[in-house]
Amino acid sequence: MFTPLLRPEKPPTTAEEALVAARLLLQTAELTGAIVSLEKPADVPSGLQGAELNITLPIPALEAALHKAAVKAAAEQGVKISQTNLRLSEPTPNRLHLHVTVEAKVFGGSLKIDVEGDVTPEGETHVRFSGFKMESGGGMFGGIATAMIRPKLSALEAAPLELQQLTGVPVRLTQLGCLEETLTLRGAFSAPPTAAAQRAGEISAETRDTGAPRPL
């Protein structure tokens, strides 16, 4: 539903490469107005160790990206989205509560959909969506909307999203919050695995899939 992210072909090995990768990710997501900055200890000349990434995202930019995705997905079902509203709050530190309202035109009628849920870090390497509630009104169109959207929300809740798999950048999420009209994220970089460790991980994955490692 969303624009595919332009992830780096290989994990960044320097803080500068990671900064470029983060900016490309935000550009391909069409999140205009995002500010990305890098903090790095002066006594660490190279590599990712000790580097921290700060990202601020205007919530209206997130709302615009969400609206574009909703319009595209709804058009495939013959539905016209007229308005999308996104509200974010931070009830407790490192927990975001989101409230999305979508207004649509369906075969000459109107439909309003409200979705609420929470986003929280799980450890420093994953984020989890939980507690989704949905209201779509009564009637046939409300029932159709629920049947279409509820499985997608359940899929989001089923398992946490791994940040590195999503972004291609070896980053640990250390802070997630929002203030007024801005979403803030802070992350610390993890050094990429060595070639030997990466190969060991591949062999381990092959063992889980087949029951035994494949011949080298």
N, C-alpha and C. Protein backbone atom coordinates (compact mmCIF):
# COMPACT_ATOMS: atom_id res chain seq x y z
N MET A 1 0.83 -1.20 0.00
CA MET A 1 0.00 0.00 0.00
C MET A 1 0.86 1.25 0.00
N PHE A 2 1.97 1.23 0.75
CA PHE A 2 2.86 2.37 0.81
C PHE A 2 3.93 2.27 -0.26
N THR A 3 4.55 3.42 -0.61
CA THR A 3 5.65 3.44 -1.56
C THR A 3 6.80 2.61 -1.03
N PRO A 4 7.34 1.66 -1.83
CA PRO A 4 8.46 0.84 -1.35
C PRO A 4 9.64 1.73 -0.95
N LEU A 5 10.25 1.40 0.18
CA LEU A 5 11.38 2.19 0.67
C LEU A 5 12.64 1.81 -0.09
N LEU A 6 13.46 2.82 -0.37
CA LEU A 6 14.74 2.59 -1.04
C LEU A 6 15.76 2.25 0.02
N ARG A 7 15.94 0.96 0.27
CA ARG A 7 16.87 0.51 1.31
C ARG A 7 18.26 0.29 0.71
N PRO A 8 19.30 0.48 1.50
CA PRO A 8 20.65 0.25 0.99
C PRO A 8 20.86 -1.21 0.64
N GLU A 9 21.66 -1.47 -0.42
CA GLU A 9 21.92 -2.84 -0.82
C GLU A 9 22.71 -3.59 0.24
N LYS A 10 23.61 -2.89 0.93
CA LYS A 10 24.40 -3.48 2.00
C LYS A 10 24.27 -2.61 3.24
N PRO A 11 24.33 -3.20 4.43
CA PRO A 11 24.26 -2.39 5.65
C PRO A 11 25.39 -1.36 5.68
N PRO A 12 25.09 -0.13 6.06
CA PRO A 12 26.14 0.89 6.15
C PRO A 12 27.23 0.47 7.13
N THR A 13 28.45 0.84 6.81
CA THR A 13 29.58 0.52 7.69
C THR A 13 30.13 1.76 8.39
N THR A 14 29.71 2.94 7.97
CA THR A 14 30.13 4.17 8.63
C THR A 14 28.90 4.99 8.99
N ALA A 15 29.08 5.89 9.93
CA ALA A 15 27.96 6.73 10.34
C ALA A 15 27.49 7.61 9.18
N GLU A 16 28.43 8.06 8.35
CA GLU A 16 28.07 8.91 7.22
C GLU A 16 27.20 8.14 6.21
N GLU A 17 27.55 6.89 5.96
CA GLU A 17 26.74 6.07 5.05
C GLU A 17 25.35 5.84 5.63
N ALA A 18 25.27 5.63 6.93
CA ALA A 18 23.98 5.43 7.58
C ALA A 18 23.12 6.69 7.50
N LEU A 19 23.75 7.85 7.62
CA LEU A 19 23.02 9.11 7.52
C LEU A 19 22.43 9.28 6.12
N VAL A 20 23.23 8.99 5.09
CA VAL A 20 22.75 9.07 3.71
C VAL A 20 21.59 8.10 3.50
N ALA A 21 21.74 6.87 4.02
CA ALA A 21 20.70 5.86 3.87
C ALA A 21 19.39 6.32 4.52
N ALA A 22 19.48 6.92 5.71
CA ALA A 22 18.28 7.39 6.41
C ALA A 22 17.59 8.49 5.62
N ARG A 23 18.36 9.38 5.03
CA ARG A 23 17.76 10.46 4.24
C ARG A 23 17.07 9.91 2.99
N LEU A 24 17.69 8.91 2.35
CA LEU A 24 17.07 8.30 1.17
C LEU A 24 15.76 7.60 1.53
N LEU A 25 15.75 6.93 2.67
CA LEU A 25 14.52 6.27 3.12
C LEU A 25 13.38 7.27 3.27
N LEU A 26 13.67 8.40 3.89
CA LEU A 26 12.63 9.40 4.12
C LEU A 26 12.19 10.04 2.81
N GLN A 27 13.13 10.22 1.88
CA GLN A 27 12.78 10.78 0.57
C GLN A 27 11.86 9.86 -0.20
N THR A 28 12.18 8.56 -0.23
CA THR A 28 11.33 7.63 -0.97
C THR A 28 9.97 7.46 -0.31
N ALA A 29 9.89 7.67 0.99
CA ALA A 29 8.61 7.63 1.69
C ALA A 29 7.83 8.93 1.50
N GLU A 30 8.44 9.90 0.81
CA GLU A 30 7.81 11.19 0.51
C GLU A 30 7.40 11.92 1.79
N LEU A 31 8.26 11.85 2.78
CA LEU A 31 8.03 12.56 4.04
C LEU A 31 8.75 13.90 3.98
N THR A 32 8.10 14.88 3.41
CA THR A 32 8.71 16.19 3.23
C THR A 32 8.82 16.90 4.57
N GLY A 33 9.89 17.66 4.71
CA GLY A 33 10.09 18.43 5.93
C GLY A 33 10.80 17.67 7.03
N ALA A 34 11.18 16.41 6.76
CA ALA A 34 11.90 15.63 7.77
C ALA A 34 13.29 16.19 7.97
N ILE A 35 13.74 16.22 9.21
CA ILE A 35 15.08 16.69 9.54
C ILE A 35 15.87 15.53 10.14
N VAL A 36 17.03 15.24 9.56
CA VAL A 36 17.87 14.14 10.01
C VAL A 36 19.21 14.71 10.43
N SER A 37 19.66 14.36 11.61
CA SER A 37 20.96 14.82 12.09
C SER A 37 21.70 13.65 12.73
N LEU A 38 23.01 13.81 12.79
CA LEU A 38 23.88 12.75 13.30
C LEU A 38 24.75 13.29 14.42
N GLU A 39 24.83 12.55 15.50
CA GLU A 39 25.73 12.88 16.60
C GLU A 39 26.75 11.76 16.74
N LYS A 40 28.02 12.17 16.82
CA LYS A 40 29.08 11.17 16.88
C LYS A 40 30.20 11.67 17.78
N PRO A 41 30.69 10.83 18.69
CA PRO A 41 31.79 11.26 19.56
C PRO A 41 33.01 11.65 18.75
N ALA A 42 33.66 12.73 19.15
CA ALA A 42 34.82 13.21 18.40
C ALA A 42 35.99 12.24 18.45
N ASP A 43 36.04 11.40 19.48
CA ASP A 43 37.17 10.48 19.60
C ASP A 43 36.97 9.17 18.86
N VAL A 44 35.86 9.06 18.08
CA VAL A 44 35.62 7.87 17.27
C VAL A 44 35.73 8.28 15.81
N PRO A 45 36.87 8.03 15.17
CA PRO A 45 37.11 8.55 13.82
C PRO A 45 36.28 7.89 12.73
N SER A 46 35.93 6.62 12.87
CA SER A 46 35.22 5.95 11.79
C SER A 46 34.31 4.88 12.37
N GLY A 47 33.51 4.28 11.49
CA GLY A 47 32.61 3.23 11.93
C GLY A 47 31.33 3.78 12.53
N LEU A 48 30.49 2.87 13.01
CA LEU A 48 29.19 3.24 13.55
C LEU A 48 29.17 3.34 15.07
N GLN A 49 30.19 2.81 15.71
CA GLN A 49 30.19 2.76 17.17
C GLN A 49 30.03 4.14 17.78
N GLY A 50 29.04 4.27 18.66
CA GLY A 50 28.83 5.52 19.38
C GLY A 50 28.02 6.57 18.64
N ALA A 51 27.70 6.34 17.37
CA ALA A 51 26.94 7.34 16.60
C ALA A 51 25.45 7.23 16.93
N GLU A 52 24.77 8.38 16.93
CA GLU A 52 23.34 8.42 17.19
C GLU A 52 22.65 9.25 16.12
N LEU A 53 21.47 8.80 15.73
CA LEU A 53 20.69 9.45 14.67
C LEU A 53 19.45 10.09 15.29
N ASN A 54 19.20 11.35 14.92
CA ASN A 54 17.99 12.04 15.37
C ASN A 54 17.14 12.39 14.16
N ILE A 55 15.84 12.05 14.22
CA ILE A 55 14.92 12.33 13.13
C ILE A 55 13.69 13.03 13.69
N THR A 56 13.31 14.13 13.06
CA THR A 56 12.05 14.79 13.40
C THR A 56 11.19 14.81 12.14
N LEU A 57 9.95 14.39 12.30
CA LEU A 57 9.02 14.30 11.18
C LEU A 57 7.78 15.14 11.46
N PRO A 58 7.44 16.07 10.58
CA PRO A 58 6.21 16.81 10.77
C PRO A 58 5.01 15.86 10.63
N ILE A 59 4.11 15.89 11.59
CA ILE A 59 2.94 15.01 11.53
C ILE A 59 2.09 15.28 10.30
N PRO A 60 1.94 16.55 9.83
CA PRO A 60 1.22 16.75 8.57
C PRO A 60 1.83 16.01 7.38
N ALA A 61 3.15 15.83 7.38
CA ALA A 61 3.79 15.06 6.30
C ALA A 61 3.42 13.59 6.40
N LEU A 62 3.38 13.06 7.62
CA LEU A 62 2.93 11.69 7.81
C LEU A 62 1.48 11.52 7.39
N GLU A 63 0.67 12.51 7.73
CA GLU A 63 -0.74 12.49 7.35
C GLU A 63 -0.90 12.49 5.83
N ALA A 64 -0.10 13.30 5.14
CA ALA A 64 -0.17 13.36 3.68
C ALA A 64 0.24 12.03 3.05
N ALA A 65 1.29 11.40 3.59
CA ALA A 65 1.74 10.10 3.07
C ALA A 65 0.68 9.03 3.32
N LEU A 66 0.05 9.08 4.49
CA LEU A 66 -1.01 8.12 4.81
C LEU A 66 -2.21 8.32 3.90
N HIS A 67 -2.56 9.58 3.63
CA HIS A 67 -3.69 9.88 2.74
C HIS A 67 -3.43 9.36 1.34
N LYS A 68 -2.21 9.57 0.84
CA LYS A 68 -1.87 9.10 -0.51
C LYS A 68 -1.99 7.59 -0.60
N ALA A 69 -1.49 6.89 0.43
CA ALA A 69 -1.58 5.43 0.45
C ALA A 69 -3.03 4.96 0.52
N ALA A 70 -3.84 5.64 1.34
CA ALA A 70 -5.24 5.27 1.48
C ALA A 70 -6.01 5.49 0.19
N VAL A 71 -5.73 6.61 -0.49
CA VAL A 71 -6.40 6.90 -1.77
C VAL A 71 -6.10 5.81 -2.78
N LYS A 72 -4.83 5.41 -2.86
CA LYS A 72 -4.43 4.38 -3.83
C LYS A 72 -5.09 3.05 -3.52
N ALA A 73 -5.08 2.65 -2.24
CA ALA A 73 -5.66 1.36 -1.87
C ALA A 73 -7.17 1.36 -2.07
N ALA A 74 -7.83 2.47 -1.72
CA ALA A 74 -9.29 2.54 -1.84
C ALA A 74 -9.74 2.57 -3.30
N ALA A 75 -8.95 3.22 -4.15
CA ALA A 75 -9.32 3.31 -5.57
C ALA A 75 -9.43 1.94 -6.21
N GLU A 76 -8.61 1.00 -5.73
CA GLU A 76 -8.66 -0.36 -6.27
C GLU A 76 -9.98 -1.05 -5.93
N GLN A 77 -10.69 -0.53 -4.93
CA GLN A 77 -11.98 -1.09 -4.53
C GLN A 77 -13.15 -0.20 -4.98
N GLY A 78 -12.86 0.80 -5.80
CA GLY A 78 -13.91 1.69 -6.28
C GLY A 78 -14.38 2.70 -5.26
N VAL A 79 -13.52 2.98 -4.27
CA VAL A 79 -13.87 3.93 -3.20
C VAL A 79 -13.01 5.18 -3.35
N LYS A 80 -13.61 6.34 -3.15
CA LYS A 80 -12.90 7.61 -3.25
C LYS A 80 -12.70 8.21 -1.86
N ILE A 81 -11.43 8.33 -1.45
CA ILE A 81 -11.12 8.94 -0.15
C ILE A 81 -11.10 10.45 -0.31
N SER A 82 -11.89 11.13 0.49
CA SER A 82 -11.95 12.59 0.39
C SER A 82 -11.07 13.29 1.43
N GLN A 83 -10.85 12.65 2.57
CA GLN A 83 -10.06 13.30 3.62
C GLN A 83 -9.47 12.26 4.56
N THR A 84 -8.24 12.52 5.01
CA THR A 84 -7.57 11.67 6.00
C THR A 84 -7.00 12.56 7.09
N ASN A 85 -7.27 12.21 8.32
CA ASN A 85 -6.77 12.99 9.45
C ASN A 85 -6.00 12.08 10.40
N LEU A 86 -4.79 12.49 10.77
CA LEU A 86 -3.94 11.72 11.68
C LEU A 86 -3.65 12.54 12.92
N ARG A 87 -3.91 11.95 14.08
CA ARG A 87 -3.58 12.60 15.35
C ARG A 87 -2.69 11.65 16.15
N LEU A 88 -1.61 12.21 16.70
CA LEU A 88 -0.69 11.44 17.52
C LEU A 88 -0.58 12.07 18.90
N SER A 89 -0.48 11.23 19.91
CA SER A 89 -0.24 11.71 21.28
C SER A 89 0.72 10.74 21.95
N GLU A 90 1.28 11.18 23.07
CA GLU A 90 2.24 10.36 23.81
C GLU A 90 1.74 10.21 25.24
N PRO A 91 0.85 9.21 25.48
CA PRO A 91 0.28 9.05 26.83
C PRO A 91 1.33 8.78 27.89
N THR A 92 2.34 7.99 27.54
CA THR A 92 3.45 7.69 28.43
C THR A 92 4.73 7.72 27.60
N PRO A 93 5.89 7.92 28.23
CA PRO A 93 7.13 7.95 27.45
C PRO A 93 7.32 6.71 26.59
N ASN A 94 7.73 6.94 25.35
CA ASN A 94 8.00 5.86 24.40
C ASN A 94 6.76 5.05 24.02
N ARG A 95 5.59 5.66 24.15
CA ARG A 95 4.37 5.00 23.65
C ARG A 95 3.53 6.05 22.93
N LEU A 96 3.26 5.79 21.67
CA LEU A 96 2.44 6.69 20.88
C LEU A 96 1.03 6.12 20.72
N HIS A 97 0.06 7.00 20.83
CA HIS A 97 -1.32 6.62 20.53
C HIS A 97 -1.72 7.33 19.24
N LEU A 98 -2.16 6.55 18.26
CA LEU A 98 -2.55 7.15 16.98
C LEU A 98 -4.05 7.04 16.78
N HIS A 99 -4.59 8.06 16.13
CA HIS A 99 -6.01 8.10 15.82
C HIS A 99 -6.14 8.58 14.38
N VAL A 100 -6.63 7.71 13.52
CA VAL A 100 -6.77 8.01 12.10
C VAL A 100 -8.26 8.07 11.77
N THR A 101 -8.66 9.16 11.11
CA THR A 101 -10.03 9.29 10.63
C THR A 101 -10.00 9.45 9.12
N VAL A 102 -10.77 8.62 8.44
CA VAL A 102 -10.84 8.65 6.98
C VAL A 102 -12.29 8.87 6.57
N GLU A 103 -12.50 9.83 5.67
CA GLU A 103 -13.82 10.06 5.11
C GLU A 103 -13.80 9.68 3.64
N ALA A 104 -14.83 8.95 3.21
CA ALA A 104 -14.83 8.41 1.86
C ALA A 104 -16.21 8.54 1.22
N LYS A 105 -16.22 8.50 -0.11
CA LYS A 105 -17.44 8.48 -0.90
C LYS A 105 -17.57 7.09 -1.51
N VAL A 106 -18.72 6.47 -1.28
CA VAL A 106 -18.94 5.11 -1.76
C VAL A 106 -20.28 5.05 -2.49
N PHE A 107 -20.23 4.92 -3.80
CA PHE A 107 -21.44 4.78 -4.62
C PHE A 107 -22.49 5.83 -4.27
N GLY A 108 -22.05 7.07 -4.19
CA GLY A 108 -22.97 8.17 -3.91
C GLY A 108 -23.23 8.40 -2.45
N GLY A 109 -22.84 7.48 -1.59
CA GLY A 109 -23.01 7.66 -0.16
C GLY A 109 -21.69 8.07 0.49
N SER A 110 -21.72 8.31 1.79
CA SER A 110 -20.52 8.73 2.52
C SER A 110 -20.22 7.72 3.64
N LEU A 111 -18.97 7.65 4.00
CA LEU A 111 -18.52 6.71 5.01
C LEU A 111 -17.41 7.34 5.81
N LYS A 112 -17.45 7.18 7.14
CA LYS A 112 -16.42 7.69 8.02
C LYS A 112 -15.84 6.52 8.82
N ILE A 113 -14.52 6.41 8.79
CA ILE A 113 -13.84 5.31 9.47
C ILE A 113 -12.88 5.89 10.49
N ASP A 114 -12.95 5.38 11.71
CA ASP A 114 -12.02 5.78 12.78
C ASP A 114 -11.22 4.57 13.23
N VAL A 115 -9.90 4.73 13.27
CA VAL A 115 -9.02 3.67 13.74
C VAL A 115 -8.11 4.24 14.81
N GLU A 116 -8.02 3.56 15.95
CA GLU A 116 -7.12 3.96 17.03
C GLU A 116 -6.24 2.79 17.42
N GLY A 117 -5.02 3.10 17.86
CA GLY A 117 -4.13 2.05 18.31
C GLY A 117 -2.86 2.64 18.90
N ASP A 118 -1.99 1.78 19.38
CA ASP A 118 -0.74 2.20 20.02
C ASP A 118 0.46 1.69 19.25
N VAL A 119 1.55 2.46 19.33
CA VAL A 119 2.83 2.06 18.76
C VAL A 119 3.87 2.17 19.86
N THR A 120 4.57 1.08 20.14
CA THR A 120 5.58 1.08 21.20
C THR A 120 6.83 0.33 20.73
N PRO A 121 8.00 0.77 21.18
CA PRO A 121 9.20 -0.02 20.90
C PRO A 121 9.13 -1.34 21.65
N GLU A 122 9.65 -2.39 21.05
CA GLU A 122 9.80 -3.68 21.73
C GLU A 122 11.28 -3.99 21.76
N GLY A 123 11.87 -3.81 22.93
CA GLY A 123 13.32 -3.80 23.00
C GLY A 123 13.82 -2.55 22.27
N GLU A 124 14.95 -2.67 21.62
CA GLU A 124 15.49 -1.55 20.85
C GLU A 124 15.55 -1.86 19.36
N THR A 125 15.08 -3.04 18.97
CA THR A 125 15.23 -3.45 17.57
C THR A 125 13.90 -3.65 16.84
N HIS A 126 12.78 -3.57 17.58
CA HIS A 126 11.47 -3.79 16.98
C HIS A 126 10.48 -2.73 17.46
N VAL A 127 9.42 -2.54 16.69
CA VAL A 127 8.28 -1.73 17.14
C VAL A 127 7.03 -2.58 16.99
N ARG A 128 6.09 -2.36 17.91
CA ARG A 128 4.86 -3.16 17.91
C ARG A 128 3.63 -2.27 17.83
N PHE A 129 2.67 -2.67 17.01
CA PHE A 129 1.35 -2.06 16.95
C PHE A 129 0.40 -2.90 17.80
N SER A 130 -0.44 -2.25 18.58
CA SER A 130 -1.34 -3.01 19.46
C SER A 130 -2.58 -2.19 19.77
N GLY A 131 -3.59 -2.90 20.29
CA GLY A 131 -4.79 -2.25 20.79
C GLY A 131 -5.63 -1.55 19.75
N PHE A 132 -5.63 -2.06 18.53
CA PHE A 132 -6.41 -1.40 17.48
C PHE A 132 -7.90 -1.51 17.75
N LYS A 133 -8.58 -0.38 17.59
CA LYS A 133 -10.05 -0.32 17.63
C LYS A 133 -10.52 0.39 16.37
N MET A 134 -11.63 -0.08 15.84
CA MET A 134 -12.12 0.48 14.57
C MET A 134 -13.61 0.71 14.65
N GLU A 135 -14.02 1.87 14.15
CA GLU A 135 -15.44 2.21 14.04
C GLU A 135 -15.71 2.64 12.60
N SER A 136 -16.70 2.01 11.99
CA SER A 136 -17.01 2.36 10.60
C SER A 136 -18.50 2.59 10.37
N GLY A 137 -19.24 2.77 11.47
CA GLY A 137 -20.67 3.01 11.33
C GLY A 137 -21.41 1.73 10.97
N GLY A 138 -22.70 1.84 10.87
CA GLY A 138 -23.50 0.68 10.51
C GLY A 138 -23.74 0.60 9.01
N GLY A 139 -24.61 -0.28 8.63
CA GLY A 139 -24.99 -0.40 7.23
C GLY A 139 -24.05 -1.29 6.44
N MET A 140 -24.41 -1.48 5.20
CA MET A 140 -23.66 -2.39 4.34
C MET A 140 -22.24 -1.89 4.10
N PHE A 141 -22.07 -0.59 3.82
CA PHE A 141 -20.74 -0.07 3.50
C PHE A 141 -19.81 -0.12 4.71
N GLY A 142 -20.36 0.13 5.90
CA GLY A 142 -19.56 0.01 7.10
C GLY A 142 -19.07 -1.41 7.32
N GLY A 143 -19.95 -2.37 7.05
CA GLY A 143 -19.57 -3.77 7.18
C GLY A 143 -18.50 -4.17 6.18
N ILE A 144 -18.61 -3.66 4.95
CA ILE A 144 -17.60 -3.96 3.93
C ILE A 144 -16.25 -3.37 4.34
N ALA A 145 -16.27 -2.12 4.83
CA ALA A 145 -15.02 -1.48 5.25
C ALA A 145 -14.36 -2.26 6.38
N THR A 146 -15.15 -2.71 7.35
CA THR A 146 -14.60 -3.49 8.45
C THR A 146 -13.99 -4.79 7.95
N ALA A 147 -14.67 -5.46 7.02
CA ALA A 147 -14.17 -6.72 6.48
C ALA A 147 -12.86 -6.53 5.72
N MET A 148 -12.67 -5.35 5.12
CA MET A 148 -11.45 -5.09 4.36
C MET A 148 -10.29 -4.67 5.26
N ILE A 149 -10.57 -3.83 6.26
CA ILE A 149 -9.50 -3.20 7.03
C ILE A 149 -9.09 -4.02 8.25
N ARG A 150 -10.05 -4.66 8.91
CA ARG A 150 -9.74 -5.38 10.14
C ARG A 150 -8.64 -6.43 9.96
N PRO A 151 -8.64 -7.24 8.88
CA PRO A 151 -7.54 -8.22 8.73
C PRO A 151 -6.17 -7.56 8.61
N LYS A 152 -6.10 -6.39 7.99
CA LYS A 152 -4.81 -5.68 7.87
C LYS A 152 -4.34 -5.20 9.24
N LEU A 153 -5.27 -4.73 10.06
CA LEU A 153 -4.90 -4.30 11.41
C LEU A 153 -4.45 -5.50 12.25
N SER A 154 -5.14 -6.61 12.10
CA SER A 154 -4.76 -7.82 12.84
C SER A 154 -3.38 -8.30 12.43
N ALA A 155 -3.06 -8.17 11.13
CA ALA A 155 -1.74 -8.58 10.65
C ALA A 155 -0.65 -7.69 11.25
N LEU A 156 -0.94 -6.40 11.39
CA LEU A 156 0.03 -5.49 12.00
C LEU A 156 0.26 -5.84 13.47
N GLU A 157 -0.80 -6.24 14.15
CA GLU A 157 -0.69 -6.58 15.57
C GLU A 157 -0.02 -7.93 15.80
N ALA A 158 -0.02 -8.80 14.79
CA ALA A 158 0.40 -10.18 14.98
C ALA A 158 1.86 -10.32 15.40
N ALA A 159 2.73 -9.48 14.85
CA ALA A 159 4.16 -9.61 15.15
C ALA A 159 4.80 -8.24 15.07
N PRO A 160 5.82 -7.98 15.92
CA PRO A 160 6.51 -6.70 15.86
C PRO A 160 7.31 -6.56 14.56
N LEU A 161 7.51 -5.31 14.15
CA LEU A 161 8.30 -5.03 12.95
C LEU A 161 9.76 -4.86 13.33
N GLU A 162 10.63 -5.55 12.63
CA GLU A 162 12.06 -5.42 12.88
C GLU A 162 12.58 -4.20 12.13
N LEU A 163 13.24 -3.30 12.83
CA LEU A 163 13.66 -2.04 12.24
C LEU A 163 14.68 -2.24 11.13
N GLN A 164 15.66 -3.10 11.34
CA GLN A 164 16.69 -3.26 10.31
C GLN A 164 16.12 -3.93 9.06
N GLN A 165 15.19 -4.86 9.25
CA GLN A 165 14.57 -5.49 8.09
C GLN A 165 13.74 -4.48 7.31
N LEU A 166 13.12 -3.55 8.04
CA LEU A 166 12.28 -2.55 7.40
C LEU A 166 13.09 -1.48 6.69
N THR A 167 14.20 -1.07 7.30
CA THR A 167 14.95 0.08 6.78
C THR A 167 16.26 -0.29 6.10
N GLY A 168 16.81 -1.46 6.44
CA GLY A 168 18.13 -1.82 5.92
C GLY A 168 19.27 -1.16 6.66
N VAL A 169 18.96 -0.44 7.72
CA VAL A 169 19.98 0.28 8.50
C VAL A 169 20.07 -0.35 9.89
N PRO A 170 21.28 -0.69 10.36
CA PRO A 170 21.44 -1.34 11.66
C PRO A 170 21.29 -0.35 12.81
N VAL A 171 20.05 0.00 13.12
CA VAL A 171 19.81 1.02 14.13
C VAL A 171 18.96 0.46 15.26
N ARG A 172 19.24 0.91 16.48
CA ARG A 172 18.45 0.55 17.65
C ARG A 172 17.64 1.77 18.08
N LEU A 173 16.35 1.61 18.23
CA LEU A 173 15.48 2.72 18.60
C LEU A 173 15.59 2.96 20.10
N THR A 174 16.05 4.15 20.46
CA THR A 174 16.23 4.48 21.88
C THR A 174 15.20 5.48 22.39
N GLN A 175 14.51 6.17 21.48
CA GLN A 175 13.50 7.13 21.92
C GLN A 175 12.45 7.31 20.83
N LEU A 176 11.19 7.32 21.25
CA LEU A 176 10.07 7.53 20.34
C LEU A 176 9.08 8.44 21.03
N GLY A 177 8.74 9.55 20.40
CA GLY A 177 7.82 10.48 21.05
C GLY A 177 7.24 11.48 20.08
N CYS A 178 6.38 12.31 20.57
CA CYS A 178 5.81 13.38 19.74
C CYS A 178 5.55 14.60 20.61
N LEU A 179 5.67 15.76 19.98
CA LEU A 179 5.45 17.02 20.66
C LEU A 179 4.75 17.94 19.68
N GLU A 180 3.55 18.35 20.04
CA GLU A 180 2.73 19.19 19.18
C GLU A 180 2.57 18.53 17.81
N GLU A 181 3.14 19.11 16.76
CA GLU A 181 2.94 18.59 15.40
C GLU A 181 4.17 17.88 14.87
N THR A 182 4.99 17.32 15.77
CA THR A 182 6.25 16.71 15.35
C THR A 182 6.43 15.35 16.00
N LEU A 183 6.81 14.36 15.19
CA LEU A 183 7.20 13.05 15.67
C LEU A 183 8.72 13.01 15.79
N THR A 184 9.23 12.52 16.91
CA THR A 184 10.67 12.48 17.12
C THR A 184 11.13 11.05 17.34
N LEU A 185 12.25 10.71 16.70
CA LEU A 185 12.86 9.40 16.85
C LEU A 185 14.35 9.58 17.09
N ARG A 186 14.87 8.76 17.97
CA ARG A 186 16.30 8.77 18.25
C ARG A 186 16.81 7.34 18.22
N GLY A 187 17.91 7.13 17.51
CA GLY A 187 18.42 5.78 17.39
C GLY A 187 19.92 5.72 17.55
N ALA A 188 20.40 4.58 18.02
CA ALA A 188 21.83 4.34 18.14
C ALA A 188 22.20 3.24 17.16
N PHE A 189 23.33 3.40 16.51
CA PHE A 189 23.72 2.43 15.49
C PHE A 189 24.38 1.21 16.11
N SER A 190 24.09 0.08 15.50
CA SER A 190 24.78 -1.17 15.83
C SER A 190 25.78 -1.45 14.73
N ALA A 191 26.94 -1.90 15.11
CA ALA A 191 27.94 -2.24 14.10
C ALA A 191 27.43 -3.39 13.26
N PRO A 192 27.64 -3.35 11.92
CA PRO A 192 27.19 -4.45 11.08
C PRO A 192 27.95 -5.73 11.40
N PRO A 193 27.33 -6.91 11.18
CA PRO A 193 28.00 -8.16 11.51
C PRO A 193 29.20 -8.40 10.62
N THR A 194 30.19 -9.09 11.15
CA THR A 194 31.33 -9.48 10.34
C THR A 194 30.88 -10.51 9.32
N ALA A 195 31.72 -10.74 8.31
CA ALA A 195 31.37 -11.71 7.27
C ALA A 195 31.16 -13.10 7.86
N ALA A 196 32.01 -13.47 8.83
CA ALA A 196 31.88 -14.79 9.44
C ALA A 196 30.58 -14.91 10.22
N ALA A 197 30.24 -13.85 10.96
CA ALA A 197 29.00 -13.89 11.75
C ALA A 197 27.78 -13.91 10.84
N GLN A 198 27.86 -13.14 9.73
CA GLN A 198 26.75 -13.09 8.80
C GLN A 198 26.53 -14.47 8.17
N ARG A 199 27.64 -15.14 7.80
CA ARG A 199 27.52 -16.48 7.22
C ARG A 199 26.98 -17.46 8.24
N ALA A 200 27.39 -17.34 9.50
CA ALA A 200 26.88 -18.22 10.54
C ALA A 200 25.38 -18.04 10.70
N GLY A 201 24.92 -16.78 10.60
CA GLY A 201 23.49 -16.53 10.68
C GLY A 201 22.73 -17.14 9.53
N GLU A 202 23.33 -17.11 8.32
CA GLU A 202 22.69 -17.70 7.15
C GLU A 202 22.57 -19.22 7.32
N ILE A 203 23.65 -19.85 7.83
CA ILE A 203 23.62 -21.29 8.03
C ILE A 203 22.57 -21.65 9.07
N SER A 204 22.47 -20.83 10.13
CA SER A 204 21.47 -21.08 11.17
C SER A 204 20.07 -21.00 10.59
N ALA A 205 19.84 -20.01 9.71
CA ALA A 205 18.52 -19.86 9.09
C ALA A 205 18.22 -21.05 8.19
N GLU A 206 19.25 -21.54 7.46
CA GLU A 206 19.05 -22.70 6.59
C GLU A 206 18.70 -23.93 7.42
N THR A 207 19.34 -24.06 8.58
CA THR A 207 19.06 -25.20 9.46
C THR A 207 17.62 -25.18 9.94
N ARG A 208 17.13 -23.96 10.28
CA ARG A 208 15.73 -23.86 10.72
C ARG A 208 14.78 -24.22 9.60
N ASP A 209 15.11 -23.86 8.36
CA ASP A 209 14.22 -24.10 7.24
C ASP A 209 14.18 -25.56 6.81
N THR A 210 15.35 -26.23 6.84
CA THR A 210 15.44 -27.57 6.25
C THR A 210 15.73 -28.66 7.27
N GLY A 211 16.15 -28.25 8.48
CA GLY A 211 16.51 -29.24 9.47
C GLY A 211 17.99 -29.57 9.47
N ALA A 212 18.71 -29.14 8.44
CA ALA A 212 20.16 -29.38 8.38
C ALA A 212 20.76 -28.33 7.48
N PRO A 213 22.01 -27.93 7.77
CA PRO A 213 22.66 -26.93 6.91
C PRO A 213 22.88 -27.46 5.52
N ARG A 214 22.77 -26.58 4.54
CA ARG A 214 23.03 -26.98 3.16
C ARG A 214 24.53 -27.11 2.94
N PRO A 215 24.93 -27.93 1.97
CA PRO A 215 26.35 -28.07 1.68
C PRO A 215 26.95 -26.74 1.24
N LEU A 216 28.18 -26.46 1.66
CA LEU A 216 28.86 -25.23 1.28
C LEU A 216 29.45 -25.37 -0.10
